[in-house]
Amino acid sequence: MNERNLSKDSTIYNYRLLKRVRYSSVWIYSHLGLLIGLYAFDFYRLDLFRLPISLGVIALLHHLIIHLLFKMKEERTPEHWSVHYRVPWIGLAPDSYYPLSKFKQLSIQLFWVPFLFVACMYPWVSLSTMIHLIIAHVWIVLPRLIMFHMFRKHTKDGLIKISAQETSCYTQ
């Protein structure tokens, strides 16, 4: 870099790539194929709306849980987070570098809280609806958990960066 362009108060961030995971089209299509297969089974049973509604309810629940966790733990709203519609990060995910340990902890809580929510709904909803809600929840969360398993060596000091084609883990 040209030293004349930098002031004395400038901060330069250097990130070192620890691991990069590119999204394989086979993996993405098999994950989507699982959902299509489940919907085909529902189509055969003439239950066309239960799975899409369950996906919407679980996605909304995940969104609310993430906002509540940020409000309760960090007393702020999630800044630089946006809704992603691509596998493996369906739902709210950070747009910039985010500590892997915090994101993993948040995702583990995001894994268990909807299970408890569905369990609390037991008296008011049918077994089929509960199964659909659980399947939708696991379908959304499972790719995240697989990604965290791939980055397990770098959980302490890693920073995660999510893009449309890959997820990378960096350190400063």
C-alpha atoms as a PDB file:
ATOM      1  CA  MET A   1       0.000   0.000   0.000  1.00  0.00           C
ATOM      2  CA  ASN A   2       1.052   3.513  -0.584  1.00  0.00           C
ATOM      3  CA  GLU A   3       1.989   5.071   2.758  1.00  0.00           C
ATOM      4  CA  ARG A   4       0.999   8.547   1.624  1.00  0.00           C
ATOM      5  CA  ASN A   5      -2.678   7.522   1.384  1.00  0.00           C
ATOM      6  CA  LEU A   6      -2.863   6.234   4.960  1.00  0.00           C
ATOM      7  CA  SER A   7      -3.249   8.471   7.963  1.00  0.00           C
ATOM      8  CA  LYS A   8      -1.735   7.712  11.373  1.00  0.00           C
ATOM      9  CA  ASP A   9      -5.174   6.810  12.763  1.00  0.00           C
ATOM     10  CA  SER A  10      -5.996   4.277  10.028  1.00  0.00           C
ATOM     11  CA  THR A  11      -6.807   0.749  11.062  1.00  0.00           C
ATOM     12  CA  ILE A  12      -5.796  -2.062   8.757  1.00  0.00           C
ATOM     13  CA  TYR A  13      -7.382  -5.465   9.197  1.00  0.00           C
ATOM     14  CA  ASN A  14      -5.468  -8.490   8.037  1.00  0.00           C
ATOM     15  CA  TYR A  15      -7.413 -11.718   7.903  1.00  0.00           C
ATOM     16  CA  ARG A  16      -5.816 -15.101   7.311  1.00  0.00           C
ATOM     17  CA  LEU A  17      -7.947 -17.786   5.675  1.00  0.00           C
ATOM     18  CA  LEU A  18      -8.219 -20.894   7.838  1.00  0.00           C
ATOM     19  CA  LYS A  19     -10.724 -22.917   5.845  1.00  0.00           C
ATOM     20  CA  ARG A  20     -13.063 -22.386   2.919  1.00  0.00           C
ATOM     21  CA  VAL A  21     -16.082 -24.548   2.106  1.00  0.00           C
ATOM     22  CA  ARG A  22     -17.537 -24.144  -1.367  1.00  0.00           C
ATOM     23  CA  TYR A  23     -21.155 -25.162  -1.807  1.00  0.00           C
ATOM     24  CA  SER A  24     -21.291 -28.269  -3.958  1.00  0.00           C
ATOM     25  CA  SER A  25     -24.232 -28.328  -6.354  1.00  0.00           C
ATOM     26  CA  VAL A  26     -24.717 -32.038  -5.584  1.00  0.00           C
ATOM     27  CA  TRP A  27     -25.052 -31.238  -1.890  1.00  0.00           C
ATOM     28  CA  ILE A  28     -27.454 -28.350  -2.516  1.00  0.00           C
ATOM     29  CA  TYR A  29     -29.614 -30.325  -4.947  1.00  0.00           C
ATOM     30  CA  SER A  30     -29.754 -33.344  -2.651  1.00  0.00           C
ATOM     31  CA  HIS A  31     -30.830 -31.094   0.229  1.00  0.00           C
ATOM     32  CA  LEU A  32     -33.508 -29.479  -1.931  1.00  0.00           C
ATOM     33  CA  GLY A  33     -34.453 -32.916  -3.314  1.00  0.00           C
ATOM     34  CA  LEU A  34     -35.199 -34.100   0.204  1.00  0.00           C
ATOM     35  CA  LEU A  35     -37.670 -31.257   0.629  1.00  0.00           C
ATOM     36  CA  ILE A  36     -39.225 -31.926  -2.786  1.00  0.00           C
ATOM     37  CA  GLY A  37     -39.552 -35.607  -1.894  1.00  0.00           C
ATOM     38  CA  LEU A  38     -41.335 -34.733   1.339  1.00  0.00           C
ATOM     39  CA  TYR A  39     -43.642 -32.399  -0.538  1.00  0.00           C
ATOM     40  CA  ALA A  40     -44.355 -35.121  -3.126  1.00  0.00           C
ATOM     41  CA  PHE A  41     -45.346 -37.437  -0.280  1.00  0.00           C
ATOM     42  CA  ASP A  42     -47.681 -34.736   1.060  1.00  0.00           C
ATOM     43  CA  PHE A  43     -49.022 -34.211  -2.469  1.00  0.00           C
ATOM     44  CA  TYR A  44     -49.799 -37.924  -2.641  1.00  0.00           C
ATOM     45  CA  ARG A  45     -51.713 -37.649   0.654  1.00  0.00           C
ATOM     46  CA  LEU A  46     -53.480 -34.481  -0.639  1.00  0.00           C
ATOM     47  CA  ASP A  47     -51.949 -32.405   2.164  1.00  0.00           C
ATOM     48  CA  LEU A  48     -50.548 -29.611  -0.011  1.00  0.00           C
ATOM     49  CA  PHE A  49     -50.188 -26.749   2.438  1.00  0.00           C
ATOM     50  CA  ARG A  50     -48.825 -28.264   5.641  1.00  0.00           C
ATOM     51  CA  LEU A  51     -45.129 -28.373   4.626  1.00  0.00           C
ATOM     52  CA  PRO A  52     -44.956 -24.858   3.072  1.00  0.00           C
ATOM     53  CA  ILE A  53     -46.793 -23.385   6.053  1.00  0.00           C
ATOM     54  CA  SER A  54     -44.487 -25.263   8.443  1.00  0.00           C
ATOM     55  CA  LEU A  55     -41.432 -23.898   6.622  1.00  0.00           C
ATOM     56  CA  GLY A  56     -42.824 -20.372   6.870  1.00  0.00           C
ATOM     57  CA  VAL A  57     -43.677 -20.727  10.561  1.00  0.00           C
ATOM     58  CA  ILE A  58     -40.247 -22.147  11.420  1.00  0.00           C
ATOM     59  CA  ALA A  59     -38.420 -19.496   9.363  1.00  0.00           C
ATOM     60  CA  LEU A  60     -40.411 -16.771  11.141  1.00  0.00           C
ATOM     61  CA  LEU A  61     -39.730 -18.420  14.500  1.00  0.00           C
ATOM     62  CA  HIS A  62     -35.985 -18.536  13.756  1.00  0.00           C
ATOM     63  CA  HIS A  63     -36.064 -14.869  12.792  1.00  0.00           C
ATOM     64  CA  LEU A  64     -37.823 -13.935  16.043  1.00  0.00           C
ATOM     65  CA  ILE A  65     -35.495 -16.070  18.161  1.00  0.00           C
ATOM     66  CA  ILE A  66     -32.387 -14.479  16.663  1.00  0.00           C
ATOM     67  CA  HIS A  67     -33.792 -10.998  17.287  1.00  0.00           C
ATOM     68  CA  LEU A  68     -34.749 -11.920  20.865  1.00  0.00           C
ATOM     69  CA  LEU A  69     -31.329 -13.423  21.595  1.00  0.00           C
ATOM     70  CA  PHE A  70     -29.602 -10.304  20.306  1.00  0.00           C
ATOM     71  CA  LYS A  71     -31.899  -8.049  22.333  1.00  0.00           C
ATOM     72  CA  MET A  72     -31.469 -10.071  25.539  1.00  0.00           C
ATOM     73  CA  LYS A  73     -27.758 -10.867  25.313  1.00  0.00           C
ATOM     74  CA  GLU A  74     -26.235  -7.927  23.490  1.00  0.00           C
ATOM     75  CA  GLU A  75     -29.016  -5.348  23.982  1.00  0.00           C
ATOM     76  CA  ARG A  76     -29.091  -4.433  20.315  1.00  0.00           C
ATOM     77  CA  THR A  77     -30.591  -5.595  17.066  1.00  0.00           C
ATOM     78  CA  PRO A  78     -28.547  -7.760  14.700  1.00  0.00           C
ATOM     79  CA  GLU A  79     -26.697  -5.265  12.516  1.00  0.00           C
ATOM     80  CA  HIS A  80     -25.197  -6.371   9.217  1.00  0.00           C
ATOM     81  CA  TRP A  81     -27.397  -9.445   9.176  1.00  0.00           C
ATOM     82  CA  SER A  82     -29.792 -10.227   6.351  1.00  0.00           C
ATOM     83  CA  VAL A  83     -32.174 -12.950   5.295  1.00  0.00           C
ATOM     84  CA  HIS A  84     -30.582 -15.567   3.042  1.00  0.00           C
ATOM     85  CA  TYR A  85     -32.656 -17.870   0.854  1.00  0.00           C
ATOM     86  CA  ARG A  86     -29.915 -20.237  -0.270  1.00  0.00           C
ATOM     87  CA  VAL A  87     -28.748 -23.510   1.215  1.00  0.00           C
ATOM     88  CA  PRO A  88     -26.964 -23.835   3.690  1.00  0.00           C
ATOM     89  CA  TRP A  89     -27.797 -20.455   5.259  1.00  0.00           C
ATOM     90  CA  ILE A  90     -31.570 -20.217   5.064  1.00  0.00           C
ATOM     91  CA  GLY A  91     -32.807 -17.438   7.300  1.00  0.00           C
ATOM     92  CA  LEU A  92     -30.904 -14.706   9.110  1.00  0.00           C
ATOM     93  CA  ALA A  93     -27.134 -14.861   8.741  1.00  0.00           C
ATOM     94  CA  PRO A  94     -24.323 -12.318   9.116  1.00  0.00           C
ATOM     95  CA  ASP A  95     -23.229 -10.406   6.022  1.00  0.00           C
ATOM     96  CA  SER A  96     -19.762  -9.517   7.269  1.00  0.00           C
ATOM     97  CA  TYR A  97     -17.146 -11.176   9.453  1.00  0.00           C
ATOM     98  CA  TYR A  98     -18.688 -12.572  12.626  1.00  0.00           C
ATOM     99  CA  PRO A  99     -17.055 -14.530  15.474  1.00  0.00           C
ATOM    100  CA  LEU A 100     -17.546 -18.228  14.856  1.00  0.00           C
ATOM    101  CA  SER A 101     -17.888 -19.035  18.558  1.00  0.00           C
ATOM    102  CA  LYS A 102     -20.771 -16.557  18.991  1.00  0.00           C
ATOM    103  CA  PHE A 103     -22.478 -17.713  15.809  1.00  0.00           C
ATOM    104  CA  LYS A 104     -22.139 -21.359  16.817  1.00  0.00           C
ATOM    105  CA  GLN A 105     -23.586 -20.655  20.268  1.00  0.00           C
ATOM    106  CA  LEU A 106     -26.478 -18.728  18.714  1.00  0.00           C
ATOM    107  CA  SER A 107     -27.136 -21.564  16.264  1.00  0.00           C
ATOM    108  CA  ILE A 108     -27.147 -24.182  19.019  1.00  0.00           C
ATOM    109  CA  GLN A 109     -29.758 -22.153  20.866  1.00  0.00           C
ATOM    110  CA  LEU A 110     -31.610 -21.763  17.571  1.00  0.00           C
ATOM    111  CA  PHE A 111     -31.552 -25.549  17.275  1.00  0.00           C
ATOM    112  CA  TRP A 112     -33.108 -26.274  20.691  1.00  0.00           C
ATOM    113  CA  VAL A 113     -35.602 -23.445  21.238  1.00  0.00           C
ATOM    114  CA  PRO A 114     -37.900 -24.333  18.281  1.00  0.00           C
ATOM    115  CA  PHE A 115     -37.982 -27.950  19.477  1.00  0.00           C
ATOM    116  CA  LEU A 116     -39.248 -26.690  22.823  1.00  0.00           C
ATOM    117  CA  PHE A 117     -41.756 -24.431  21.068  1.00  0.00           C
ATOM    118  CA  VAL A 118     -43.120 -27.346  19.035  1.00  0.00           C
ATOM    119  CA  ALA A 119     -43.256 -29.516  22.167  1.00  0.00           C
ATOM    120  CA  CYS A 120     -45.286 -26.814  23.941  1.00  0.00           C
ATOM    121  CA  MET A 121     -47.743 -26.772  21.026  1.00  0.00           C
ATOM    122  CA  TYR A 122     -48.499 -30.486  21.519  1.00  0.00           C
ATOM    123  CA  PRO A 123     -51.981 -30.038  23.065  1.00  0.00           C
ATOM    124  CA  TRP A 124     -53.198 -27.733  20.284  1.00  0.00           C
ATOM    125  CA  VAL A 125     -51.788 -29.161  17.061  1.00  0.00           C
ATOM    126  CA  SER A 126     -52.012 -32.548  15.420  1.00  0.00           C
ATOM    127  CA  LEU A 127     -49.191 -35.054  15.338  1.00  0.00           C
ATOM    128  CA  SER A 128     -48.830 -34.575  11.584  1.00  0.00           C
ATOM    129  CA  THR A 129     -48.381 -30.824  12.026  1.00  0.00           C
ATOM    130  CA  MET A 130     -45.797 -31.364  14.766  1.00  0.00           C
ATOM    131  CA  ILE A 131     -43.853 -33.753  12.549  1.00  0.00           C
ATOM    132  CA  HIS A 132     -43.939 -31.257   9.689  1.00  0.00           C
ATOM    133  CA  LEU A 133     -42.723 -28.463  11.975  1.00  0.00           C
ATOM    134  CA  ILE A 134     -39.856 -30.615  13.250  1.00  0.00           C
ATOM    135  CA  ILE A 135     -38.901 -31.704   9.721  1.00  0.00           C
ATOM    136  CA  ALA A 136     -38.926 -28.082   8.532  1.00  0.00           C
ATOM    137  CA  HIS A 137     -36.812 -27.027  11.496  1.00  0.00           C
ATOM    138  CA  VAL A 138     -34.241 -29.785  11.004  1.00  0.00           C
ATOM    139  CA  TRP A 139     -34.180 -29.140   7.241  1.00  0.00           C
ATOM    140  CA  ILE A 140     -33.273 -25.483   7.839  1.00  0.00           C
ATOM    141  CA  VAL A 141     -30.788 -26.018  10.702  1.00  0.00           C
ATOM    142  CA  LEU A 142     -28.973 -29.194   9.616  1.00  0.00           C
ATOM    143  CA  PRO A 143     -26.743 -27.547   6.951  1.00  0.00           C
ATOM    144  CA  ARG A 144     -25.596 -24.975   9.520  1.00  0.00           C
ATOM    145  CA  LEU A 145     -24.667 -27.703  11.962  1.00  0.00           C
ATOM    146  CA  ILE A 146     -22.738 -29.550   9.251  1.00  0.00           C
ATOM    147  CA  MET A 147     -20.880 -26.328   8.445  1.00  0.00           C
ATOM    148  CA  PHE A 148     -20.006 -25.805  12.125  1.00  0.00           C
ATOM    149  CA  HIS A 149     -18.740 -29.370  12.270  1.00  0.00           C
ATOM    150  CA  MET A 150     -16.419 -28.578   9.352  1.00  0.00           C
ATOM    151  CA  PHE A 151     -15.095 -25.499  11.194  1.00  0.00           C
ATOM    152  CA  ARG A 152     -14.857 -27.165  14.634  1.00  0.00           C
ATOM    153  CA  LYS A 153     -11.059 -26.751  14.865  1.00  0.00           C
ATOM    154  CA  HIS A 154     -11.319 -22.979  14.501  1.00  0.00           C
ATOM    155  CA  THR A 155     -14.217 -22.227  16.858  1.00  0.00           C
ATOM    156  CA  LYS A 156     -12.178 -20.256  19.425  1.00  0.00           C
ATOM    157  CA  ASP A 157     -10.562 -17.611  17.262  1.00  0.00           C
ATOM    158  CA  GLY A 158     -12.322 -18.006  13.918  1.00  0.00           C
ATOM    159  CA  LEU A 159     -14.377 -15.413  12.096  1.00  0.00           C
ATOM    160  CA  ILE A 160     -17.003 -16.659   9.688  1.00  0.00           C
ATOM    161  CA  LYS A 161     -17.730 -14.960   6.364  1.00  0.00           C
ATOM    162  CA  ILE A 162     -20.733 -16.113   4.342  1.00  0.00           C
ATOM    163  CA  SER A 163     -21.108 -15.474   0.615  1.00  0.00           C
ATOM    164  CA  ALA A 164     -23.397 -16.857  -2.076  1.00  0.00           C
ATOM    165  CA  GLN A 165     -20.917 -19.514  -3.253  1.00  0.00           C
ATOM    166  CA  GLU A 166     -18.932 -20.379  -0.132  1.00  0.00           C
ATOM    167  CA  THR A 167     -18.441 -20.025   3.594  1.00  0.00           C
ATOM    168  CA  SER A 168     -14.988 -19.120   4.843  1.00  0.00           C
ATOM    169  CA  CYS A 169     -13.350 -19.096   8.241  1.00  0.00           C
ATOM    170  CA  TYR A 170     -10.673 -16.483   8.944  1.00  0.00           C
ATOM    171  CA  THR A 171      -8.511 -15.366  11.826  1.00  0.00           C
ATOM    172  CA  GLN A 172      -7.022 -11.955  12.532  1.00  0.00           C
END
